[in-house]
């Protein structure tokens, strides 16, 4: 027999995982969101849902000032500041306030992933994570910036993006004090100090500080060139190189010299040009010690010494 207590527990588990004030019991849903067309039984639930789009977080923790979009989430959060945790994981001894969160946590140890994507069959521990993942297939972007109207599939991405408008850079490097708007960017920056290169190519063993650089590098081995010019159909391994190439068609020159106002299509060309003004010649011939402002000019010069021509 399925008791009402079991039903309430399942509904509570659903609420904890999906993070919405949705009503899972069905029935008429007369209140419609104008942005994503999601429907609700109660107007109060619609109002709560709309905070997903506008980023509003009206409920603030009285201890640490962390803000929440729902009162229930604030109440649950405040328990961490002084309430006992009765539910203990038998594997790692981590303690939880509620049985629900213990049940969710235990999937880490058991490997249970009960939520399956009906498009690609990828499985997830949490229903909320599945919903976020499915936006990759649907293209849904429910989180909208109220300044520039740019849309995002994750609320965390919207919050990070909004730092652009506020100029907020809360993540500071403890080595050089450089500030960043995104924590992940700070982590990547730290590797310039530590020399850490955690991403290694499985073919040639070359190591990289950023995963994106490894992915770009691996295309050398695979021959993949996924970025195509829509004018001449030329293909490139890296998107930034495609963007630079497209300027040969548009004539765009976004990089200007602050001294003589000469404009360039590539940032690297501007850097080389600025050496005309600074007198910098960083490239030295190891045969005759002649110096050059650009590496390509040094390479051309070296042909004189190796007998392959001027």
C-alpha atoms as a PDB file:
ATOM      1  CA  UNK A   1       0.000   0.000   0.000  1.00  0.00           C
ATOM      2  CA  UNK A   2       1.215   3.536  -0.806  1.00  0.00           C
ATOM      3  CA  UNK A   3       0.599   5.793   2.199  1.00  0.00           C
ATOM      4  CA  UNK A   4       0.060   9.549   2.139  1.00  0.00           C
ATOM      5  CA  UNK A   5       3.325   9.930   4.075  1.00  0.00           C
ATOM      6  CA  UNK A   6       5.195   8.280   1.206  1.00  0.00           C
ATOM      7  CA  UNK A   7       3.512  10.624  -1.272  1.00  0.00           C
ATOM      8  CA  UNK A   8       4.498  13.679   0.751  1.00  0.00           C
ATOM      9  CA  UNK A   9       8.080  12.412   0.968  1.00  0.00           C
ATOM     10  CA  UNK A  10       8.221  11.943  -2.807  1.00  0.00           C
ATOM     11  CA  UNK A  11       6.781  15.397  -3.418  1.00  0.00           C
ATOM     12  CA  UNK A  12       9.330  16.878  -1.013  1.00  0.00           C
ATOM     13  CA  UNK A  13      12.128  15.030  -2.810  1.00  0.00           C
ATOM     14  CA  UNK A  14      10.844  16.353  -6.137  1.00  0.00           C
ATOM     15  CA  UNK A  15      10.765  19.908  -4.771  1.00  0.00           C
ATOM     16  CA  UNK A  16      14.296  19.658  -3.402  1.00  0.00           C
ATOM     17  CA  UNK A  17      15.651  18.390  -6.704  1.00  0.00           C
ATOM     18  CA  UNK A  18      13.920  20.560  -9.271  1.00  0.00           C
ATOM     19  CA  UNK A  19      14.094  23.767  -7.239  1.00  0.00           C
ATOM     20  CA  UNK A  20      10.729  25.009  -8.508  1.00  0.00           C
ATOM     21  CA  UNK A  21       7.443  25.761  -6.787  1.00  0.00           C
ATOM     22  CA  UNK A  22       5.657  23.656  -9.368  1.00  0.00           C
ATOM     23  CA  UNK A  23       2.633  21.588  -8.562  1.00  0.00           C
ATOM     24  CA  UNK A  24       3.299  18.001  -9.688  1.00  0.00           C
ATOM     25  CA  UNK A  25      -0.252  16.788  -9.039  1.00  0.00           C
ATOM     26  CA  UNK A  26      -1.771  18.027 -12.285  1.00  0.00           C
ATOM     27  CA  UNK A  27      -5.053  19.850 -12.748  1.00  0.00           C
ATOM     28  CA  UNK A  28      -5.960  23.064 -14.539  1.00  0.00           C
ATOM     29  CA  UNK A  29      -3.093  25.552 -15.012  1.00  0.00           C
ATOM     30  CA  UNK A  30      -4.570  28.948 -15.929  1.00  0.00           C
ATOM     31  CA  UNK A  31      -1.503  31.085 -15.123  1.00  0.00           C
ATOM     32  CA  UNK A  32       0.896  31.282 -18.048  1.00  0.00           C
ATOM     33  CA  UNK A  33       4.458  32.660 -18.092  1.00  0.00           C
ATOM     34  CA  UNK A  34       4.762  35.179 -20.938  1.00  0.00           C
ATOM     35  CA  UNK A  35       8.445  34.372 -21.476  1.00  0.00           C
ATOM     36  CA  UNK A  36       8.573  30.562 -21.632  1.00  0.00           C
ATOM     37  CA  UNK A  37       4.837  29.611 -21.761  1.00  0.00           C
ATOM     38  CA  UNK A  38       5.109  27.376 -18.687  1.00  0.00           C
ATOM     39  CA  UNK A  39       1.733  27.063 -16.939  1.00  0.00           C
ATOM     40  CA  UNK A  40       0.848  27.040 -13.224  1.00  0.00           C
ATOM     41  CA  UNK A  41      -2.201  26.287 -11.092  1.00  0.00           C
ATOM     42  CA  UNK A  42      -1.655  29.235  -8.755  1.00  0.00           C
ATOM     43  CA  UNK A  43      -0.741  32.861  -9.435  1.00  0.00           C
ATOM     44  CA  UNK A  44       1.712  32.750  -6.507  1.00  0.00           C
ATOM     45  CA  UNK A  45       3.582  29.899  -8.207  1.00  0.00           C
ATOM     46  CA  UNK A  46       3.757  31.931 -11.431  1.00  0.00           C
ATOM     47  CA  UNK A  47       5.211  34.890  -9.505  1.00  0.00           C
ATOM     48  CA  UNK A  48       7.838  32.632  -7.925  1.00  0.00           C
ATOM     49  CA  UNK A  49       8.670  31.115 -11.316  1.00  0.00           C
ATOM     50  CA  UNK A  50       9.144  34.531 -12.938  1.00  0.00           C
ATOM     51  CA  UNK A  51      12.100  35.120 -10.627  1.00  0.00           C
ATOM     52  CA  UNK A  52      13.911  32.518 -12.728  1.00  0.00           C
ATOM     53  CA  UNK A  53      13.806  34.988 -15.634  1.00  0.00           C
ATOM     54  CA  UNK A  54      14.358  38.281 -13.828  1.00  0.00           C
ATOM     55  CA  UNK A  55      16.940  37.007 -11.322  1.00  0.00           C
ATOM     56  CA  UNK A  56      15.017  38.504  -8.365  1.00  0.00           C
ATOM     57  CA  UNK A  57      16.063  37.103  -4.957  1.00  0.00           C
ATOM     58  CA  UNK A  58      13.908  38.861  -2.348  1.00  0.00           C
ATOM     59  CA  UNK A  59      14.566  36.514   0.583  1.00  0.00           C
ATOM     60  CA  UNK A  60      17.833  37.153   2.449  1.00  0.00           C
ATOM     61  CA  UNK A  61      19.513  35.066   5.141  1.00  0.00           C
ATOM     62  CA  UNK A  62      19.719  37.099   8.347  1.00  0.00           C
ATOM     63  CA  UNK A  63      23.099  35.560   9.211  1.00  0.00           C
ATOM     64  CA  UNK A  64      25.207  35.628   6.016  1.00  0.00           C
ATOM     65  CA  UNK A  65      23.040  37.815   3.715  1.00  0.00           C
ATOM     66  CA  UNK A  66      22.854  35.133   1.012  1.00  0.00           C
ATOM     67  CA  UNK A  67      19.774  35.807  -1.141  1.00  0.00           C
ATOM     68  CA  UNK A  68      17.150  33.355  -2.406  1.00  0.00           C
ATOM     69  CA  UNK A  69      14.249  33.477  -4.837  1.00  0.00           C
ATOM     70  CA  UNK A  70      11.959  31.443  -2.551  1.00  0.00           C
ATOM     71  CA  UNK A  71      11.209  31.687   1.157  1.00  0.00           C
ATOM     72  CA  UNK A  72      11.405  27.904   1.545  1.00  0.00           C
ATOM     73  CA  UNK A  73      14.950  27.865   0.180  1.00  0.00           C
ATOM     74  CA  UNK A  74      15.954  30.622   2.605  1.00  0.00           C
ATOM     75  CA  UNK A  75      14.514  28.702   5.563  1.00  0.00           C
ATOM     76  CA  UNK A  76      16.293  25.511   4.506  1.00  0.00           C
ATOM     77  CA  UNK A  77      19.569  27.415   4.096  1.00  0.00           C
ATOM     78  CA  UNK A  78      19.384  29.052   7.526  1.00  0.00           C
ATOM     79  CA  UNK A  79      19.514  25.655   9.183  1.00  0.00           C
ATOM     80  CA  UNK A  80      23.217  25.414   8.338  1.00  0.00           C
ATOM     81  CA  UNK A  81      23.958  28.237  10.773  1.00  0.00           C
ATOM     82  CA  UNK A  82      22.911  26.465  13.958  1.00  0.00           C
ATOM     83  CA  UNK A  83      20.780  23.383  13.522  1.00  0.00           C
ATOM     84  CA  UNK A  84      21.805  19.779  14.180  1.00  0.00           C
ATOM     85  CA  UNK A  85      22.301  17.331  11.332  1.00  0.00           C
ATOM     86  CA  UNK A  86      20.689  14.023  12.273  1.00  0.00           C
ATOM     87  CA  UNK A  87      21.068  12.065   9.031  1.00  0.00           C
ATOM     88  CA  UNK A  88      24.513  10.488   8.591  1.00  0.00           C
ATOM     89  CA  UNK A  89      25.935   8.861   5.463  1.00  0.00           C
ATOM     90  CA  UNK A  90      27.248   5.386   6.386  1.00  0.00           C
ATOM     91  CA  UNK A  91      29.914   5.543   3.682  1.00  0.00           C
ATOM     92  CA  UNK A  92      31.638   8.926   4.240  1.00  0.00           C
ATOM     93  CA  UNK A  93      30.048  10.101   7.532  1.00  0.00           C
ATOM     94  CA  UNK A  94      28.817  13.335   5.977  1.00  0.00           C
ATOM     95  CA  UNK A  95      25.798  14.631   7.911  1.00  0.00           C
ATOM     96  CA  UNK A  96      22.594  16.203   6.554  1.00  0.00           C
ATOM     97  CA  UNK A  97      19.686  18.186   7.996  1.00  0.00           C
ATOM     98  CA  UNK A  98      17.036  16.262   6.067  1.00  0.00           C
ATOM     99  CA  UNK A  99      16.603  12.650   5.001  1.00  0.00           C
ATOM    100  CA  UNK A 100      15.879  13.900   1.483  1.00  0.00           C
ATOM    101  CA  UNK A 101      19.345  15.405   1.041  1.00  0.00           C
ATOM    102  CA  UNK A 102      20.941  12.236   2.452  1.00  0.00           C
ATOM    103  CA  UNK A 103      19.067  10.155  -0.132  1.00  0.00           C
ATOM    104  CA  UNK A 104      20.286  12.417  -2.936  1.00  0.00           C
ATOM    105  CA  UNK A 105      23.867  12.374  -1.582  1.00  0.00           C
ATOM    106  CA  UNK A 106      23.971   8.568  -1.380  1.00  0.00           C
ATOM    107  CA  UNK A 107      23.698   8.385  -5.171  1.00  0.00           C
ATOM    108  CA  UNK A 108      27.308   9.620  -5.305  1.00  0.00           C
ATOM    109  CA  UNK A 109      28.400   6.367  -3.657  1.00  0.00           C
ATOM    110  CA  UNK A 110      25.888   4.029  -5.288  1.00  0.00           C
ATOM    111  CA  UNK A 111      26.310   5.461  -8.781  1.00  0.00           C
ATOM    112  CA  UNK A 112      22.538   5.558  -9.203  1.00  0.00           C
ATOM    113  CA  UNK A 113      21.475   8.031 -11.900  1.00  0.00           C
ATOM    114  CA  UNK A 114      17.703   7.696 -12.122  1.00  0.00           C
ATOM    115  CA  UNK A 115      17.029  10.630 -14.456  1.00  0.00           C
ATOM    116  CA  UNK A 116      17.569   9.806 -18.123  1.00  0.00           C
ATOM    117  CA  UNK A 117      17.650  12.227 -21.061  1.00  0.00           C
ATOM    118  CA  UNK A 118      15.151  11.068 -23.686  1.00  0.00           C
ATOM    119  CA  UNK A 119      17.267  12.533 -26.493  1.00  0.00           C
ATOM    120  CA  UNK A 120      20.820  11.268 -25.861  1.00  0.00           C
ATOM    121  CA  UNK A 121      20.216   8.754 -23.016  1.00  0.00           C
ATOM    122  CA  UNK A 122      22.683  10.494 -20.711  1.00  0.00           C
ATOM    123  CA  UNK A 123      21.820   9.818 -17.039  1.00  0.00           C
ATOM    124  CA  UNK A 124      21.883  12.192 -14.055  1.00  0.00           C
ATOM    125  CA  UNK A 125      21.693  11.972 -10.276  1.00  0.00           C
ATOM    126  CA  UNK A 126      19.395  14.994  -9.945  1.00  0.00           C
ATOM    127  CA  UNK A 127      16.235  15.890 -11.826  1.00  0.00           C
ATOM    128  CA  UNK A 128      17.264  19.554 -11.845  1.00  0.00           C
ATOM    129  CA  UNK A 129      20.555  18.656 -13.554  1.00  0.00           C
ATOM    130  CA  UNK A 130      18.650  16.696 -16.192  1.00  0.00           C
ATOM    131  CA  UNK A 131      16.366  19.693 -16.841  1.00  0.00           C
ATOM    132  CA  UNK A 132      19.387  21.960 -17.283  1.00  0.00           C
ATOM    133  CA  UNK A 133      21.023  19.431 -19.617  1.00  0.00           C
ATOM    134  CA  UNK A 134      17.887  19.105 -21.782  1.00  0.00           C
ATOM    135  CA  UNK A 135      18.144  22.797 -22.649  1.00  0.00           C
ATOM    136  CA  UNK A 136      21.156  21.865 -24.802  1.00  0.00           C
ATOM    137  CA  UNK A 137      18.808  19.898 -27.019  1.00  0.00           C
ATOM    138  CA  UNK A 138      15.810  22.253 -26.886  1.00  0.00           C
ATOM    139  CA  UNK A 139      17.776  25.502 -27.109  1.00  0.00           C
ATOM    140  CA  UNK A 140      15.733  26.887 -24.202  1.00  0.00           C
ATOM    141  CA  UNK A 141      17.376  29.848 -22.429  1.00  0.00           C
ATOM    142  CA  UNK A 142      15.017  30.933 -19.633  1.00  0.00           C
ATOM    143  CA  UNK A 143      17.423  33.216 -17.753  1.00  0.00           C
ATOM    144  CA  UNK A 144      17.394  36.688 -19.333  1.00  0.00           C
ATOM    145  CA  UNK A 145      19.621  39.644 -18.491  1.00  0.00           C
ATOM    146  CA  UNK A 146      17.448  42.655 -17.664  1.00  0.00           C
ATOM    147  CA  UNK A 147      20.129  45.012 -19.029  1.00  0.00           C
ATOM    148  CA  UNK A 148      20.964  43.626 -22.490  1.00  0.00           C
ATOM    149  CA  UNK A 149      18.326  40.858 -22.889  1.00  0.00           C
ATOM    150  CA  UNK A 150      20.956  38.176 -23.485  1.00  0.00           C
ATOM    151  CA  UNK A 151      19.556  34.765 -22.559  1.00  0.00           C
ATOM    152  CA  UNK A 152      21.191  31.845 -20.753  1.00  0.00           C
ATOM    153  CA  UNK A 153      20.356  28.206 -20.065  1.00  0.00           C
ATOM    154  CA  UNK A 154      21.738  28.328 -16.497  1.00  0.00           C
ATOM    155  CA  UNK A 155      21.058  30.880 -13.763  1.00  0.00           C
ATOM    156  CA  UNK A 156      24.710  30.711 -12.690  1.00  0.00           C
ATOM    157  CA  UNK A 157      25.750  31.826 -16.182  1.00  0.00           C
ATOM    158  CA  UNK A 158      23.347  34.784 -15.977  1.00  0.00           C
ATOM    159  CA  UNK A 159      24.783  35.847 -12.603  1.00  0.00           C
ATOM    160  CA  UNK A 160      28.316  35.620 -14.002  1.00  0.00           C
ATOM    161  CA  UNK A 161      27.301  37.608 -17.108  1.00  0.00           C
ATOM    162  CA  UNK A 162      25.742  40.384 -15.020  1.00  0.00           C
ATOM    163  CA  UNK A 163      29.199  41.168 -13.595  1.00  0.00           C
ATOM    164  CA  UNK A 164      29.948  42.670 -17.033  1.00  0.00           C
ATOM    165  CA  UNK A 165      27.333  45.375 -16.452  1.00  0.00           C
ATOM    166  CA  UNK A 166      28.176  46.003 -12.801  1.00  0.00           C
ATOM    167  CA  UNK A 167      31.956  45.827 -13.434  1.00  0.00           C
ATOM    168  CA  UNK A 168      32.083  43.624 -10.335  1.00  0.00           C
ATOM    169  CA  UNK A 169      35.228  41.452 -10.092  1.00  0.00           C
ATOM    170  CA  UNK A 170      34.884  39.565  -6.808  1.00  0.00           C
ATOM    171  CA  UNK A 171      37.535  36.885  -7.458  1.00  0.00           C
ATOM    172  CA  UNK A 172      41.068  38.121  -6.680  1.00  0.00           C
ATOM    173  CA  UNK A 173      44.370  36.332  -7.319  1.00  0.00           C
ATOM    174  CA  UNK A 174      46.304  35.953  -4.066  1.00  0.00           C
ATOM    175  CA  UNK A 175      49.618  36.158  -5.965  1.00  0.00           C
ATOM    176  CA  UNK A 176      49.300  39.246  -8.177  1.00  0.00           C
ATOM    177  CA  UNK A 177      45.964  40.739  -6.970  1.00  0.00           C
ATOM    178  CA  UNK A 178      44.462  40.622 -10.467  1.00  0.00           C
ATOM    179  CA  UNK A 179      40.650  40.537 -10.187  1.00  0.00           C
ATOM    180  CA  UNK A 180      38.166  38.456 -12.195  1.00  0.00           C
ATOM    181  CA  UNK A 181      34.395  38.390 -12.601  1.00  0.00           C
ATOM    182  CA  UNK A 182      34.296  34.582 -12.932  1.00  0.00           C
ATOM    183  CA  UNK A 183      35.753  32.100 -10.440  1.00  0.00           C
ATOM    184  CA  UNK A 184      36.653  29.628 -13.180  1.00  0.00           C
ATOM    185  CA  UNK A 185      38.741  32.318 -14.908  1.00  0.00           C
ATOM    186  CA  UNK A 186      40.634  32.911 -11.653  1.00  0.00           C
ATOM    187  CA  UNK A 187      41.376  29.174 -11.402  1.00  0.00           C
ATOM    188  CA  UNK A 188      42.747  29.183 -14.960  1.00  0.00           C
ATOM    189  CA  UNK A 189      44.767  32.330 -14.226  1.00  0.00           C
ATOM    190  CA  UNK A 190      46.380  30.698 -11.156  1.00  0.00           C
ATOM    191  CA  UNK A 191      48.029  28.213 -13.508  1.00  0.00           C
ATOM    192  CA  UNK A 192      50.116  31.039 -15.002  1.00  0.00           C
ATOM    193  CA  UNK A 193      51.763  31.307 -11.573  1.00  0.00           C
ATOM    194  CA  UNK A 194      51.913  27.615 -10.665  1.00  0.00           C
ATOM    195  CA  UNK A 195      52.815  26.328 -14.133  1.00  0.00           C
ATOM    196  CA  UNK A 196      50.181  23.615 -13.708  1.00  0.00           C
ATOM    197  CA  UNK A 197      49.095  21.955 -16.976  1.00  0.00           C
ATOM    198  CA  UNK A 198      46.445  19.393 -16.015  1.00  0.00           C
ATOM    199  CA  UNK A 199      45.112  18.688 -19.509  1.00  0.00           C
ATOM    200  CA  UNK A 200      47.285  16.230 -21.453  1.00  0.00           C
ATOM    201  CA  UNK A 201      46.991  15.041 -25.057  1.00  0.00           C
ATOM    202  CA  UNK A 202      46.530  11.273 -25.271  1.00  0.00           C
ATOM    203  CA  UNK A 203      48.379  11.137 -28.607  1.00  0.00           C
ATOM    204  CA  UNK A 204      51.569  13.193 -28.146  1.00  0.00           C
ATOM    205  CA  UNK A 205      51.489  13.771 -24.365  1.00  0.00           C
ATOM    206  CA  UNK A 206      51.641  17.571 -24.728  1.00  0.00           C
ATOM    207  CA  UNK A 207      50.123  19.295 -21.669  1.00  0.00           C
ATOM    208  CA  UNK A 208      47.929  22.401 -21.469  1.00  0.00           C
ATOM    209  CA  UNK A 209      46.717  24.752 -18.759  1.00  0.00           C
ATOM    210  CA  UNK A 210      43.213  25.011 -20.229  1.00  0.00           C
ATOM    211  CA  UNK A 211      40.906  22.294 -21.509  1.00  0.00           C
ATOM    212  CA  UNK A 212      39.845  24.444 -24.479  1.00  0.00           C
ATOM    213  CA  UNK A 213      43.487  24.593 -25.641  1.00  0.00           C
ATOM    214  CA  UNK A 214      43.747  20.812 -25.417  1.00  0.00           C
ATOM    215  CA  UNK A 215      40.570  20.393 -27.501  1.00  0.00           C
ATOM    216  CA  UNK A 216      41.937  22.774 -30.154  1.00  0.00           C
ATOM    217  CA  UNK A 217      45.297  20.951 -30.149  1.00  0.00           C
ATOM    218  CA  UNK A 218      43.699  17.515 -30.578  1.00  0.00           C
ATOM    219  CA  UNK A 219      42.281  18.679 -33.896  1.00  0.00           C
ATOM    220  CA  UNK A 220      45.870  18.666 -35.236  1.00  0.00           C
ATOM    221  CA  UNK A 221      45.850  14.879 -34.812  1.00  0.00           C
ATOM    222  CA  UNK A 222      42.261  14.306 -35.930  1.00  0.00           C
ATOM    223  CA  UNK A 223      42.357  16.770 -38.840  1.00  0.00           C
ATOM    224  CA  UNK A 224      39.025  18.176 -37.682  1.00  0.00           C
ATOM    225  CA  UNK A 225      38.259  21.737 -38.804  1.00  0.00           C
ATOM    226  CA  UNK A 226      34.749  22.475 -37.515  1.00  0.00           C
ATOM    227  CA  UNK A 227      34.698  26.249 -38.126  1.00  0.00           C
ATOM    228  CA  UNK A 228      33.782  27.204 -41.700  1.00  0.00           C
ATOM    229  CA  UNK A 229      33.869  30.617 -43.358  1.00  0.00           C
ATOM    230  CA  UNK A 230      30.413  31.414 -44.772  1.00  0.00           C
ATOM    231  CA  UNK A 231      31.987  33.418 -47.616  1.00  0.00           C
ATOM    232  CA  UNK A 232      34.731  31.195 -49.052  1.00  0.00           C
ATOM    233  CA  UNK A 233      34.026  27.952 -47.140  1.00  0.00           C
ATOM    234  CA  UNK A 234      37.595  27.744 -45.819  1.00  0.00           C
ATOM    235  CA  UNK A 235      37.726  25.643 -42.641  1.00  0.00           C
ATOM    236  CA  UNK A 236      39.636  26.264 -39.403  1.00  0.00           C
ATOM    237  CA  UNK A 237      40.548  24.350 -36.246  1.00  0.00           C
ATOM    238  CA  UNK A 238      39.945  27.314 -33.908  1.00  0.00           C
ATOM    239  CA  UNK A 239      36.991  29.730 -33.883  1.00  0.00           C
ATOM    240  CA  UNK A 240      39.194  32.763 -33.128  1.00  0.00           C
ATOM    241  CA  UNK A 241      41.221  32.086 -36.288  1.00  0.00           C
ATOM    242  CA  UNK A 242      37.978  31.962 -38.297  1.00  0.00           C
ATOM    243  CA  UNK A 243      36.957  35.345 -36.848  1.00  0.00           C
ATOM    244  CA  UNK A 244      40.334  36.811 -37.825  1.00  0.00           C
ATOM    245  CA  UNK A 245      40.028  35.306 -41.310  1.00  0.00           C
ATOM    246  CA  UNK A 246      36.540  36.746 -41.872  1.00  0.00           C
ATOM    247  CA  UNK A 247      38.027  40.234 -41.592  1.00  0.00           C
ATOM    248  CA  UNK A 248      39.782  39.620 -44.917  1.00  0.00           C
ATOM    249  CA  UNK A 249      36.283  39.599 -46.443  1.00  0.00           C
ATOM    250  CA  UNK A 250      34.702  42.402 -44.400  1.00  0.00           C
ATOM    251  CA  UNK A 251      37.741  44.683 -44.294  1.00  0.00           C
ATOM    252  CA  UNK A 252      37.157  45.243 -40.575  1.00  0.00           C
ATOM    253  CA  UNK A 253      40.190  46.589 -38.681  1.00  0.00           C
ATOM    254  CA  UNK A 254      39.227  46.784 -34.986  1.00  0.00           C
ATOM    255  CA  UNK A 255      42.739  47.199 -33.549  1.00  0.00           C
ATOM    256  CA  UNK A 256      44.088  50.788 -33.709  1.00  0.00           C
ATOM    257  CA  UNK A 257      47.484  52.174 -32.720  1.00  0.00           C
ATOM    258  CA  UNK A 258      47.093  54.758 -29.950  1.00  0.00           C
ATOM    259  CA  UNK A 259      50.042  56.746 -31.312  1.00  0.00           C
ATOM    260  CA  UNK A 260      49.451  57.008 -35.067  1.00  0.00           C
ATOM    261  CA  UNK A 261      45.851  55.627 -35.331  1.00  0.00           C
ATOM    262  CA  UNK A 262      46.858  53.033 -37.934  1.00  0.00           C
ATOM    263  CA  UNK A 263      44.299  50.195 -37.840  1.00  0.00           C
ATOM    264  CA  UNK A 264      44.811  46.445 -38.123  1.00  0.00           C
ATOM    265  CA  UNK A 265      42.637  43.392 -38.590  1.00  0.00           C
ATOM    266  CA  UNK A 266      44.598  41.296 -36.096  1.00  0.00           C
ATOM    267  CA  UNK A 267      45.742  42.143 -32.590  1.00  0.00           C
ATOM    268  CA  UNK A 268      49.088  40.460 -33.241  1.00  0.00           C
ATOM    269  CA  UNK A 269      49.714  42.808 -36.190  1.00  0.00           C
ATOM    270  CA  UNK A 270      49.091  45.801 -33.917  1.00  0.00           C
ATOM    271  CA  UNK A 271      51.588  44.468 -31.344  1.00  0.00           C
ATOM    272  CA  UNK A 272      54.270  44.083 -34.043  1.00  0.00           C
ATOM    273  CA  UNK A 273      53.489  47.573 -35.425  1.00  0.00           C
ATOM    274  CA  UNK A 274      53.808  49.228 -32.016  1.00  0.00           C
ATOM    275  CA  UNK A 275      57.465  48.180 -31.929  1.00  0.00           C
ATOM    276  CA  UNK A 276      58.048  50.801 -34.634  1.00  0.00           C
ATOM    277  CA  UNK A 277      57.230  53.422 -32.013  1.00  0.00           C
ATOM    278  CA  UNK A 278      58.874  51.699 -29.018  1.00  0.00           C
ATOM    279  CA  UNK A 279      62.052  50.644 -30.844  1.00  0.00           C
ATOM    280  CA  UNK A 280      61.698  47.128 -29.437  1.00  0.00           C
ATOM    281  CA  UNK A 281      63.454  44.347 -31.411  1.00  0.00           C
ATOM    282  CA  UNK A 282      62.875  41.144 -29.413  1.00  0.00           C
ATOM    283  CA  UNK A 283      63.924  38.580 -32.065  1.00  0.00           C
ATOM    284  CA  UNK A 284      67.698  37.966 -32.308  1.00  0.00           C
ATOM    285  CA  UNK A 285      69.546  35.986 -34.972  1.00  0.00           C
ATOM    286  CA  UNK A 286      71.711  33.362 -33.233  1.00  0.00           C
ATOM    287  CA  UNK A 287      74.299  33.570 -36.035  1.00  0.00           C
ATOM    288  CA  UNK A 288      74.967  37.306 -36.484  1.00  0.00           C
ATOM    289  CA  UNK A 289      73.070  38.805 -33.511  1.00  0.00           C
ATOM    290  CA  UNK A 290      71.003  41.060 -35.787  1.00  0.00           C
ATOM    291  CA  UNK A 291      67.666  41.991 -34.178  1.00  0.00           C
ATOM    292  CA  UNK A 292      64.150  42.144 -35.630  1.00  0.00           C
ATOM    293  CA  UNK A 293      60.740  43.413 -34.575  1.00  0.00           C
ATOM    294  CA  UNK A 294      58.809  40.446 -35.998  1.00  0.00           C
ATOM    295  CA  UNK A 295      59.509  36.710 -35.874  1.00  0.00           C
ATOM    296  CA  UNK A 296      58.592  36.191 -39.545  1.00  0.00           C
ATOM    297  CA  UNK A 297      61.247  38.739 -40.557  1.00  0.00           C
ATOM    298  CA  UNK A 298      63.840  36.879 -38.459  1.00  0.00           C
ATOM    299  CA  UNK A 299      62.914  33.582 -40.145  1.00  0.00           C
ATOM    300  CA  UNK A 300      63.260  35.178 -43.587  1.00  0.00           C
ATOM    301  CA  UNK A 301      66.650  36.624 -42.573  1.00  0.00           C
ATOM    302  CA  UNK A 302      67.959  33.250 -41.312  1.00  0.00           C
ATOM    303  CA  UNK A 303      67.643  31.818 -44.827  1.00  0.00           C
ATOM    304  CA  UNK A 304      70.698  33.891 -45.718  1.00  0.00           C
ATOM    305  CA  UNK A 305      72.772  31.852 -43.267  1.00  0.00           C
ATOM    306  CA  UNK A 306      71.370  28.414 -44.072  1.00  0.00           C
ATOM    307  CA  UNK A 307      71.672  28.886 -47.855  1.00  0.00           C
ATOM    308  CA  UNK A 308      67.978  28.658 -48.722  1.00  0.00           C
ATOM    309  CA  UNK A 309      67.793  32.205 -50.079  1.00  0.00           C
ATOM    310  CA  UNK A 310      67.151  35.752 -48.864  1.00  0.00           C
END
